mmCIF file of all heavy atoms, coordinates in Angstrom:
data_MODEL
# 
_entry.id   MODEL 
# 
loop_
_atom_site.group_PDB 
_atom_site.id 
_atom_site.type_symbol 
_atom_site.label_atom_id 
_atom_site.label_alt_id 
_atom_site.label_comp_id 
_atom_site.label_asym_id 
_atom_site.label_entity_id 
_atom_site.label_seq_id 
_atom_site.pdbx_PDB_ins_code 
_atom_site.Cartn_x 
_atom_site.Cartn_y 
_atom_site.Cartn_z 
_atom_site.occupancy 
_atom_site.B_iso_or_equiv 
_atom_site.pdbx_formal_charge 
_atom_site.auth_seq_id 
_atom_site.auth_comp_id 
_atom_site.auth_asym_id 
_atom_site.auth_atom_id 
_atom_site.pdbx_PDB_model_num 
ATOM 1   N N   . ARG A 1 1  ? -11.172 -7.311  -7.306 1.00 0.00 ? 1  ARG A N   1 
ATOM 2   C CA  . ARG A 1 1  ? -9.978  -7.671  -6.497 1.00 0.00 ? 1  ARG A CA  1 
ATOM 3   C C   . ARG A 1 1  ? -8.859  -6.711  -6.885 1.00 0.00 ? 1  ARG A C   1 
ATOM 4   O O   . ARG A 1 1  ? -8.392  -6.787  -8.089 1.00 0.00 ? 1  ARG A O   1 
ATOM 5   C CB  . ARG A 1 1  ? -9.530  -9.071  -6.443 1.00 0.00 ? 1  ARG A CB  1 
ATOM 6   C CG  . ARG A 1 1  ? -8.520  -9.333  -5.349 1.00 0.00 ? 1  ARG A CG  1 
ATOM 7   C CD  . ARG A 1 1  ? -8.158  -10.809 -5.289 1.00 0.00 ? 1  ARG A CD  1 
ATOM 8   N NE  . ARG A 1 1  ? -7.018  -11.215 -6.130 1.00 0.00 ? 1  ARG A NE  1 
ATOM 9   C CZ  . ARG A 1 1  ? -6.226  -12.062 -5.889 1.00 0.00 ? 1  ARG A CZ  1 
ATOM 10  N NH1 . ARG A 1 1  ? -6.243  -12.826 -4.750 1.00 0.00 ? 1  ARG A NH1 1 
ATOM 11  N NH2 . ARG A 1 1  ? -5.316  -12.482 -6.925 1.00 0.00 ? 1  ARG A NH2 1 
ATOM 12  N N   . LEU A 1 2  ? -8.357  -5.927  -5.995 1.00 0.00 ? 2  LEU A N   1 
ATOM 13  C CA  . LEU A 1 2  ? -7.376  -5.026  -6.323 1.00 0.00 ? 2  LEU A CA  1 
ATOM 14  C C   . LEU A 1 2  ? -5.992  -5.680  -5.841 1.00 0.00 ? 2  LEU A C   1 
ATOM 15  O O   . LEU A 1 2  ? -6.081  -6.345  -4.777 1.00 0.00 ? 2  LEU A O   1 
ATOM 16  C CB  . LEU A 1 2  ? -7.417  -3.710  -5.602 1.00 0.00 ? 2  LEU A CB  1 
ATOM 17  C CG  . LEU A 1 2  ? -8.776  -2.871  -5.833 1.00 0.00 ? 2  LEU A CG  1 
ATOM 18  C CD1 . LEU A 1 2  ? -8.658  -1.596  -5.168 1.00 0.00 ? 2  LEU A CD1 1 
ATOM 19  C CD2 . LEU A 1 2  ? -9.029  -2.680  -7.329 1.00 0.00 ? 2  LEU A CD2 1 
ATOM 20  N N   . SER A 1 3  ? -4.932  -5.407  -6.507 1.00 0.00 ? 3  SER A N   1 
ATOM 21  C CA  . SER A 1 3  ? -3.582  -5.899  -6.148 1.00 0.00 ? 3  SER A CA  1 
ATOM 22  C C   . SER A 1 3  ? -2.632  -4.704  -6.066 1.00 0.00 ? 3  SER A C   1 
ATOM 23  O O   . SER A 1 3  ? -2.779  -3.837  -6.841 1.00 0.00 ? 3  SER A O   1 
ATOM 24  C CB  . SER A 1 3  ? -3.047  -6.996  -7.136 1.00 0.00 ? 3  SER A CB  1 
ATOM 25  O OG  . SER A 1 3  ? -3.917  -8.054  -6.986 1.00 0.00 ? 3  SER A OG  1 
ATOM 26  N N   . CYS A 1 4  ? -1.531  -4.893  -5.216 1.00 0.00 ? 4  CYS A N   1 
ATOM 27  C CA  . CYS A 1 4  ? -0.542  -3.869  -5.108 1.00 0.00 ? 4  CYS A CA  1 
ATOM 28  C C   . CYS A 1 4  ? 0.667   -4.536  -4.789 1.00 0.00 ? 4  CYS A C   1 
ATOM 29  O O   . CYS A 1 4  ? 0.883   -5.135  -3.683 1.00 0.00 ? 4  CYS A O   1 
ATOM 30  C CB  . CYS A 1 4  ? -0.889  -2.821  -4.106 1.00 0.00 ? 4  CYS A CB  1 
ATOM 31  S SG  . CYS A 1 4  ? 0.439   -1.556  -3.858 1.00 0.00 ? 4  CYS A SG  1 
ATOM 32  N N   . ALA A 1 5  ? 1.607   -4.544  -5.660 1.00 0.00 ? 5  ALA A N   1 
ATOM 33  C CA  . ALA A 1 5  ? 3.065   -5.174  -5.391 1.00 0.00 ? 5  ALA A CA  1 
ATOM 34  C C   . ALA A 1 5  ? 4.179   -4.200  -5.146 1.00 0.00 ? 5  ALA A C   1 
ATOM 35  O O   . ALA A 1 5  ? 4.297   -3.331  -5.952 1.00 0.00 ? 5  ALA A O   1 
ATOM 36  C CB  . ALA A 1 5  ? 3.321   -6.086  -6.562 1.00 0.00 ? 5  ALA A CB  1 
ATOM 37  N N   . ALA A 1 6  ? 4.826   -4.418  -4.077 1.00 0.00 ? 6  ALA A N   1 
ATOM 38  C CA  . ALA A 1 6  ? 5.897   -3.532  -3.802 1.00 0.00 ? 6  ALA A CA  1 
ATOM 39  C C   . ALA A 1 6  ? 7.249   -4.081  -4.195 1.00 0.00 ? 6  ALA A C   1 
ATOM 40  O O   . ALA A 1 6  ? 7.379   -5.347  -3.968 1.00 0.00 ? 6  ALA A O   1 
ATOM 41  C CB  . ALA A 1 6  ? 6.034   -3.211  -2.321 1.00 0.00 ? 6  ALA A CB  1 
ATOM 42  N N   . SER A 1 7  ? 8.146   -3.316  -4.709 1.00 0.00 ? 7  SER A N   1 
ATOM 43  C CA  . SER A 1 7  ? 9.414   -3.830  -5.257 1.00 0.00 ? 7  SER A CA  1 
ATOM 44  C C   . SER A 1 7  ? 10.420  -2.893  -4.984 1.00 0.00 ? 7  SER A C   1 
ATOM 45  O O   . SER A 1 7  ? 10.146  -1.645  -4.781 1.00 0.00 ? 7  SER A O   1 
ATOM 46  C CB  . SER A 1 7  ? 9.344   -4.201  -6.703 1.00 0.00 ? 7  SER A CB  1 
ATOM 47  O OG  . SER A 1 7  ? 9.061   -3.097  -7.519 1.00 0.00 ? 7  SER A OG  1 
ATOM 48  N N   . GLY A 1 8  ? 11.777  -3.223  -4.998 1.00 0.00 ? 8  GLY A N   1 
ATOM 49  C CA  . GLY A 1 8  ? 12.901  -2.456  -4.817 1.00 0.00 ? 8  GLY A CA  1 
ATOM 50  C C   . GLY A 1 8  ? 13.720  -2.835  -3.520 1.00 0.00 ? 8  GLY A C   1 
ATOM 51  O O   . GLY A 1 8  ? 13.642  -4.085  -3.203 1.00 0.00 ? 8  GLY A O   1 
ATOM 52  N N   . SER A 1 9  ? 14.414  -1.911  -3.009 1.00 0.00 ? 9  SER A N   1 
ATOM 53  C CA  . SER A 1 9  ? 15.373  -2.361  -1.959 1.00 0.00 ? 9  SER A CA  1 
ATOM 54  C C   . SER A 1 9  ? 14.624  -2.203  -0.541 1.00 0.00 ? 9  SER A C   1 
ATOM 55  O O   . SER A 1 9  ? 14.773  -1.325  0.203  1.00 0.00 ? 9  SER A O   1 
ATOM 56  C CB  . SER A 1 9  ? 16.614  -1.316  -1.956 1.00 0.00 ? 9  SER A CB  1 
ATOM 57  O OG  . SER A 1 9  ? 17.342  -1.469  -3.184 1.00 0.00 ? 9  SER A OG  1 
ATOM 58  N N   . ILE A 1 10 ? 13.864  -3.190  -0.417 1.00 0.00 ? 10 ILE A N   1 
ATOM 59  C CA  . ILE A 1 10 ? 12.849  -3.287  0.788  1.00 0.00 ? 10 ILE A CA  1 
ATOM 60  C C   . ILE A 1 10 ? 13.502  -4.192  1.899  1.00 0.00 ? 10 ILE A C   1 
ATOM 61  O O   . ILE A 1 10 ? 13.842  -5.344  1.601  1.00 0.00 ? 10 ILE A O   1 
ATOM 62  C CB  . ILE A 1 10 ? 11.554  -3.774  0.459  1.00 0.00 ? 10 ILE A CB  1 
ATOM 63  C CG1 . ILE A 1 10 ? 10.826  -2.871  -0.612 1.00 0.00 ? 10 ILE A CG1 1 
ATOM 64  C CG2 . ILE A 1 10 ? 10.644  -3.843  1.728  1.00 0.00 ? 10 ILE A CG2 1 
ATOM 65  C CD1 . ILE A 1 10 ? 9.590   -3.362  -1.190 1.00 0.00 ? 10 ILE A CD1 1 
ATOM 66  N N   . PHE A 1 11 ? 13.744  -3.598  3.024  1.00 0.00 ? 11 PHE A N   1 
ATOM 67  C CA  . PHE A 1 11 ? 14.349  -4.318  4.072  1.00 0.00 ? 11 PHE A CA  1 
ATOM 68  C C   . PHE A 1 11 ? 13.214  -4.949  4.945  1.00 0.00 ? 11 PHE A C   1 
ATOM 69  O O   . PHE A 1 11 ? 13.268  -6.185  5.352  1.00 0.00 ? 11 PHE A O   1 
ATOM 70  C CB  . PHE A 1 11 ? 15.134  -3.487  5.053  1.00 0.00 ? 11 PHE A CB  1 
ATOM 71  C CG  . PHE A 1 11 ? 15.722  -4.236  6.225  1.00 0.00 ? 11 PHE A CG  1 
ATOM 72  C CD1 . PHE A 1 11 ? 16.862  -5.138  6.014  1.00 0.00 ? 11 PHE A CD1 1 
ATOM 73  C CD2 . PHE A 1 11 ? 15.331  -3.969  7.497  1.00 0.00 ? 11 PHE A CD2 1 
ATOM 74  C CE1 . PHE A 1 11 ? 17.496  -5.816  7.097  1.00 0.00 ? 11 PHE A CE1 1 
ATOM 75  C CE2 . PHE A 1 11 ? 15.854  -4.631  8.560  1.00 0.00 ? 11 PHE A CE2 1 
ATOM 76  C CZ  . PHE A 1 11 ? 16.924  -5.649  8.309  1.00 0.00 ? 11 PHE A CZ  1 
ATOM 77  N N   . ASN A 1 12 ? 12.185  -4.137  5.234  1.00 0.00 ? 12 ASN A N   1 
ATOM 78  C CA  . ASN A 1 12 ? 11.129  -4.559  6.114  1.00 0.00 ? 12 ASN A CA  1 
ATOM 79  C C   . ASN A 1 12 ? 9.771   -3.818  5.716  1.00 0.00 ? 12 ASN A C   1 
ATOM 80  O O   . ASN A 1 12 ? 9.825   -2.661  5.620  1.00 0.00 ? 12 ASN A O   1 
ATOM 81  C CB  . ASN A 1 12 ? 11.439  -4.428  7.589  1.00 0.00 ? 12 ASN A CB  1 
ATOM 82  C CG  . ASN A 1 12 ? 10.538  -5.207  8.540  1.00 0.00 ? 12 ASN A CG  1 
ATOM 83  O OD1 . ASN A 1 12 ? 10.081  -6.347  8.259  1.00 0.00 ? 12 ASN A OD1 1 
ATOM 84  N ND2 . ASN A 1 12 ? 9.934   -4.424  9.456  1.00 0.00 ? 12 ASN A ND2 1 
ATOM 85  N N   . ILE A 1 13 ? 8.719   -4.538  5.656  1.00 0.00 ? 13 ILE A N   1 
ATOM 86  C CA  . ILE A 1 13 ? 7.375   -4.056  5.560  1.00 0.00 ? 13 ILE A CA  1 
ATOM 87  C C   . ILE A 1 13 ? 6.659   -4.001  6.790  1.00 0.00 ? 13 ILE A C   1 
ATOM 88  O O   . ILE A 1 13 ? 6.701   -5.040  7.462  1.00 0.00 ? 13 ILE A O   1 
ATOM 89  C CB  . ILE A 1 13 ? 6.526   -4.666  4.455  1.00 0.00 ? 13 ILE A CB  1 
ATOM 90  C CG1 . ILE A 1 13 ? 7.045   -4.497  3.140  1.00 0.00 ? 13 ILE A CG1 1 
ATOM 91  C CG2 . ILE A 1 13 ? 5.168   -4.152  4.492  1.00 0.00 ? 13 ILE A CG2 1 
ATOM 92  C CD1 . ILE A 1 13 ? 6.506   -5.294  2.037  1.00 0.00 ? 13 ILE A CD1 1 
ATOM 93  N N   . TYR A 1 14 ? 6.088   -2.865  7.335  1.00 0.00 ? 14 TYR A N   1 
ATOM 94  C CA  . TYR A 1 14 ? 5.326   -2.875  8.646  1.00 0.00 ? 14 TYR A CA  1 
ATOM 95  C C   . TYR A 1 14 ? 3.776   -3.049  8.362  1.00 0.00 ? 14 TYR A C   1 
ATOM 96  O O   . TYR A 1 14 ? 3.259   -3.850  8.975  1.00 0.00 ? 14 TYR A O   1 
ATOM 97  C CB  . TYR A 1 14 ? 5.682   -1.562  9.350  1.00 0.00 ? 14 TYR A CB  1 
ATOM 98  C CG  . TYR A 1 14 ? 7.194   -1.419  9.592  1.00 0.00 ? 14 TYR A CG  1 
ATOM 99  C CD1 . TYR A 1 14 ? 7.916   -0.606  8.864  1.00 0.00 ? 14 TYR A CD1 1 
ATOM 100 C CD2 . TYR A 1 14 ? 7.710   -2.055  10.800 1.00 0.00 ? 14 TYR A CD2 1 
ATOM 101 C CE1 . TYR A 1 14 ? 9.328   -0.505  9.115  1.00 0.00 ? 14 TYR A CE1 1 
ATOM 102 C CE2 . TYR A 1 14 ? 9.132   -1.923  10.971 1.00 0.00 ? 14 TYR A CE2 1 
ATOM 103 C CZ  . TYR A 1 14 ? 9.870   -1.203  10.191 1.00 0.00 ? 14 TYR A CZ  1 
ATOM 104 O OH  . TYR A 1 14 ? 11.275  -1.091  10.411 1.00 0.00 ? 14 TYR A OH  1 
ATOM 105 N N   . THR A 1 15 ? 3.376   -2.271  7.472  1.00 0.00 ? 15 THR A N   1 
ATOM 106 C CA  . THR A 1 15 ? 1.974   -2.417  7.028  1.00 0.00 ? 15 THR A CA  1 
ATOM 107 C C   . THR A 1 15 ? 1.802   -1.950  5.535  1.00 0.00 ? 15 THR A C   1 
ATOM 108 O O   . THR A 1 15 ? 2.612   -1.313  5.062  1.00 0.00 ? 15 THR A O   1 
ATOM 109 C CB  . THR A 1 15 ? 0.948   -1.483  7.932  1.00 0.00 ? 15 THR A CB  1 
ATOM 110 O OG1 . THR A 1 15 ? 1.363   -0.054  7.604  1.00 0.00 ? 15 THR A OG1 1 
ATOM 111 C CG2 . THR A 1 15 ? 1.120   -1.678  9.408  1.00 0.00 ? 15 THR A CG2 1 
ATOM 112 N N   . MET A 1 16 ? 0.726   -2.552  4.979  1.00 0.00 ? 16 MET A N   1 
ATOM 113 C CA  . MET A 1 16 ? 0.314   -2.087  3.788  1.00 0.00 ? 16 MET A CA  1 
ATOM 114 C C   . MET A 1 16 ? -1.151  -1.897  3.736  1.00 0.00 ? 16 MET A C   1 
ATOM 115 O O   . MET A 1 16 ? -1.926  -2.601  4.457  1.00 0.00 ? 16 MET A O   1 
ATOM 116 C CB  . MET A 1 16 ? 0.685   -3.082  2.563  1.00 0.00 ? 16 MET A CB  1 
ATOM 117 C CG  . MET A 1 16 ? 2.158   -3.134  2.234  1.00 0.00 ? 16 MET A CG  1 
ATOM 118 S SD  . MET A 1 16 ? 2.578   -4.112  0.753  1.00 0.00 ? 16 MET A SD  1 
ATOM 119 C CE  . MET A 1 16 ? 2.017   -2.943  -0.447 1.00 0.00 ? 16 MET A CE  1 
ATOM 120 N N   . GLY A 1 17 ? -1.756  -0.839  3.053  1.00 0.00 ? 17 GLY A N   1 
ATOM 121 C CA  . GLY A 1 17 ? -3.129  -0.559  3.299  1.00 0.00 ? 17 GLY A CA  1 
ATOM 122 C C   . GLY A 1 17 ? -3.675  0.179   1.989  1.00 0.00 ? 17 GLY A C   1 
ATOM 123 O O   . GLY A 1 17 ? -2.896  0.343   1.032  1.00 0.00 ? 17 GLY A O   1 
ATOM 124 N N   . TRP A 1 18 ? -4.987  0.379   1.944  1.00 0.00 ? 18 TRP A N   1 
ATOM 125 C CA  . TRP A 1 18 ? -5.694  0.867   0.846  1.00 0.00 ? 18 TRP A CA  1 
ATOM 126 C C   . TRP A 1 18 ? -6.396  2.239   1.255  1.00 0.00 ? 18 TRP A C   1 
ATOM 127 O O   . TRP A 1 18 ? -7.151  2.214   2.304  1.00 0.00 ? 18 TRP A O   1 
ATOM 128 C CB  . TRP A 1 18 ? -6.700  -0.013  0.276  1.00 0.00 ? 18 TRP A CB  1 
ATOM 129 C CG  . TRP A 1 18 ? -6.064  -1.238  -0.375 1.00 0.00 ? 18 TRP A CG  1 
ATOM 130 C CD1 . TRP A 1 18 ? -5.688  -2.427  0.317  1.00 0.00 ? 18 TRP A CD1 1 
ATOM 131 C CD2 . TRP A 1 18 ? -5.677  -1.406  -1.710 1.00 0.00 ? 18 TRP A CD2 1 
ATOM 132 N NE1 . TRP A 1 18 ? -5.168  -3.267  -0.560 1.00 0.00 ? 18 TRP A NE1 1 
ATOM 133 C CE2 . TRP A 1 18 ? -4.993  -2.636  -1.740 1.00 0.00 ? 18 TRP A CE2 1 
ATOM 134 C CE3 . TRP A 1 18 ? -5.571  -0.509  -2.761 1.00 0.00 ? 18 TRP A CE3 1 
ATOM 135 C CZ2 . TRP A 1 18 ? -4.495  -3.096  -3.000 1.00 0.00 ? 18 TRP A CZ2 1 
ATOM 136 C CZ3 . TRP A 1 18 ? -4.991  -0.944  -4.002 1.00 0.00 ? 18 TRP A CZ3 1 
ATOM 137 C CH2 . TRP A 1 18 ? -4.516  -2.278  -4.097 1.00 0.00 ? 18 TRP A CH2 1 
ATOM 138 N N   . TYR A 1 19 ? -6.355  3.216   0.561  1.00 0.00 ? 19 TYR A N   1 
ATOM 139 C CA  . TYR A 1 19 ? -6.988  4.538   0.763  1.00 0.00 ? 19 TYR A CA  1 
ATOM 140 C C   . TYR A 1 19 ? -7.888  5.023   -0.423 1.00 0.00 ? 19 TYR A C   1 
ATOM 141 O O   . TYR A 1 19 ? -7.585  4.607   -1.485 1.00 0.00 ? 19 TYR A O   1 
ATOM 142 C CB  . TYR A 1 19 ? -5.893  5.602   1.170  1.00 0.00 ? 19 TYR A CB  1 
ATOM 143 C CG  . TYR A 1 19 ? -5.134  5.349   2.477  1.00 0.00 ? 19 TYR A CG  1 
ATOM 144 C CD1 . TYR A 1 19 ? -4.147  4.324   2.424  1.00 0.00 ? 19 TYR A CD1 1 
ATOM 145 C CD2 . TYR A 1 19 ? -5.286  6.150   3.424  1.00 0.00 ? 19 TYR A CD2 1 
ATOM 146 C CE1 . TYR A 1 19 ? -3.457  4.163   3.676  1.00 0.00 ? 19 TYR A CE1 1 
ATOM 147 C CE2 . TYR A 1 19 ? -4.569  5.955   4.634  1.00 0.00 ? 19 TYR A CE2 1 
ATOM 148 C CZ  . TYR A 1 19 ? -3.650  4.984   4.790  1.00 0.00 ? 19 TYR A CZ  1 
ATOM 149 O OH  . TYR A 1 19 ? -2.999  4.850   5.901  1.00 0.00 ? 19 TYR A OH  1 
ATOM 150 N N   . ARG A 1 20 ? -8.738  5.913   -0.090 1.00 0.00 ? 20 ARG A N   1 
ATOM 151 C CA  . ARG A 1 20 ? -9.560  6.502   -1.169 1.00 0.00 ? 20 ARG A CA  1 
ATOM 152 C C   . ARG A 1 20 ? -9.899  7.904   -0.769 1.00 0.00 ? 20 ARG A C   1 
ATOM 153 O O   . ARG A 1 20 ? -10.103 8.146   0.476  1.00 0.00 ? 20 ARG A O   1 
ATOM 154 C CB  . ARG A 1 20 ? -10.687 5.605   -1.484 1.00 0.00 ? 20 ARG A CB  1 
ATOM 155 C CG  . ARG A 1 20 ? -11.834 5.516   -0.344 1.00 0.00 ? 20 ARG A CG  1 
ATOM 156 C CD  . ARG A 1 20 ? -12.958 4.639   -0.728 1.00 0.00 ? 20 ARG A CD  1 
ATOM 157 N NE  . ARG A 1 20 ? -13.977 4.594   0.294  1.00 0.00 ? 20 ARG A NE  1 
ATOM 158 C CZ  . ARG A 1 20 ? -14.986 3.888   0.304  1.00 0.00 ? 20 ARG A CZ  1 
ATOM 159 N NH1 . ARG A 1 20 ? -15.135 2.862   -0.577 1.00 0.00 ? 20 ARG A NH1 1 
ATOM 160 N NH2 . ARG A 1 20 ? -15.876 3.872   1.381  1.00 0.00 ? 20 ARG A NH2 1 
ATOM 161 N N   . PRO A 1 21 ? -10.142 8.876   -1.746 1.00 0.00 ? 21 PRO A N   1 
ATOM 162 C CA  . PRO A 1 21 ? -10.615 10.162  -1.390 1.00 0.00 ? 21 PRO A CA  1 
ATOM 163 C C   . PRO A 1 21 ? -11.981 10.102  -0.685 1.00 0.00 ? 21 PRO A C   1 
ATOM 164 O O   . PRO A 1 21 ? -12.894 9.140   -0.975 1.00 0.00 ? 21 PRO A O   1 
ATOM 165 C CB  . PRO A 1 21 ? -10.748 10.907  -2.614 1.00 0.00 ? 21 PRO A CB  1 
ATOM 166 C CG  . PRO A 1 21 ? -9.809  10.203  -3.615 1.00 0.00 ? 21 PRO A CG  1 
ATOM 167 C CD  . PRO A 1 21 ? -9.922  8.681   -3.203 1.00 0.00 ? 21 PRO A CD  1 
ATOM 168 N N   . ALA A 1 22 ? -12.224 10.982  0.170  1.00 0.00 ? 22 ALA A N   1 
ATOM 169 C CA  . ALA A 1 22 ? -13.482 11.041  0.988  1.00 0.00 ? 22 ALA A CA  1 
ATOM 170 C C   . ALA A 1 22 ? -13.790 12.575  1.331  1.00 0.00 ? 22 ALA A C   1 
ATOM 171 O O   . ALA A 1 22 ? -12.881 13.365  1.408  1.00 0.00 ? 22 ALA A O   1 
ATOM 172 C CB  . ALA A 1 22 ? -13.351 10.319  2.322  1.00 0.00 ? 22 ALA A CB  1 
ATOM 173 N N   . PRO A 1 23 ? -15.045 12.925  1.500  1.00 0.00 ? 23 PRO A N   1 
ATOM 174 C CA  . PRO A 1 23 ? -15.349 14.236  1.821  1.00 0.00 ? 23 PRO A CA  1 
ATOM 175 C C   . PRO A 1 23 ? -14.835 14.743  3.018  1.00 0.00 ? 23 PRO A C   1 
ATOM 176 O O   . PRO A 1 23 ? -14.660 14.020  4.054  1.00 0.00 ? 23 PRO A O   1 
ATOM 177 C CB  . PRO A 1 23 ? -17.034 14.159  1.940  1.00 0.00 ? 23 PRO A CB  1 
ATOM 178 C CG  . PRO A 1 23 ? -17.356 13.054  1.172  1.00 0.00 ? 23 PRO A CG  1 
ATOM 179 C CD  . PRO A 1 23 ? -16.270 12.066  1.312  1.00 0.00 ? 23 PRO A CD  1 
ATOM 180 N N   . GLY A 1 24 ? -14.157 15.957  2.876  1.00 0.00 ? 24 GLY A N   1 
ATOM 181 C CA  . GLY A 1 24 ? -13.669 16.628  4.145  1.00 0.00 ? 24 GLY A CA  1 
ATOM 182 C C   . GLY A 1 24 ? -12.182 16.125  4.480  1.00 0.00 ? 24 GLY A C   1 
ATOM 183 O O   . GLY A 1 24 ? -11.512 16.572  5.379  1.00 0.00 ? 24 GLY A O   1 
# 
């Protein structure tokens, strides 16, 4: 299970997602 926490002067989050390298 991966976790990702955003912090700082955040007014609004629209989306959060996960990416990885891929061929091409």
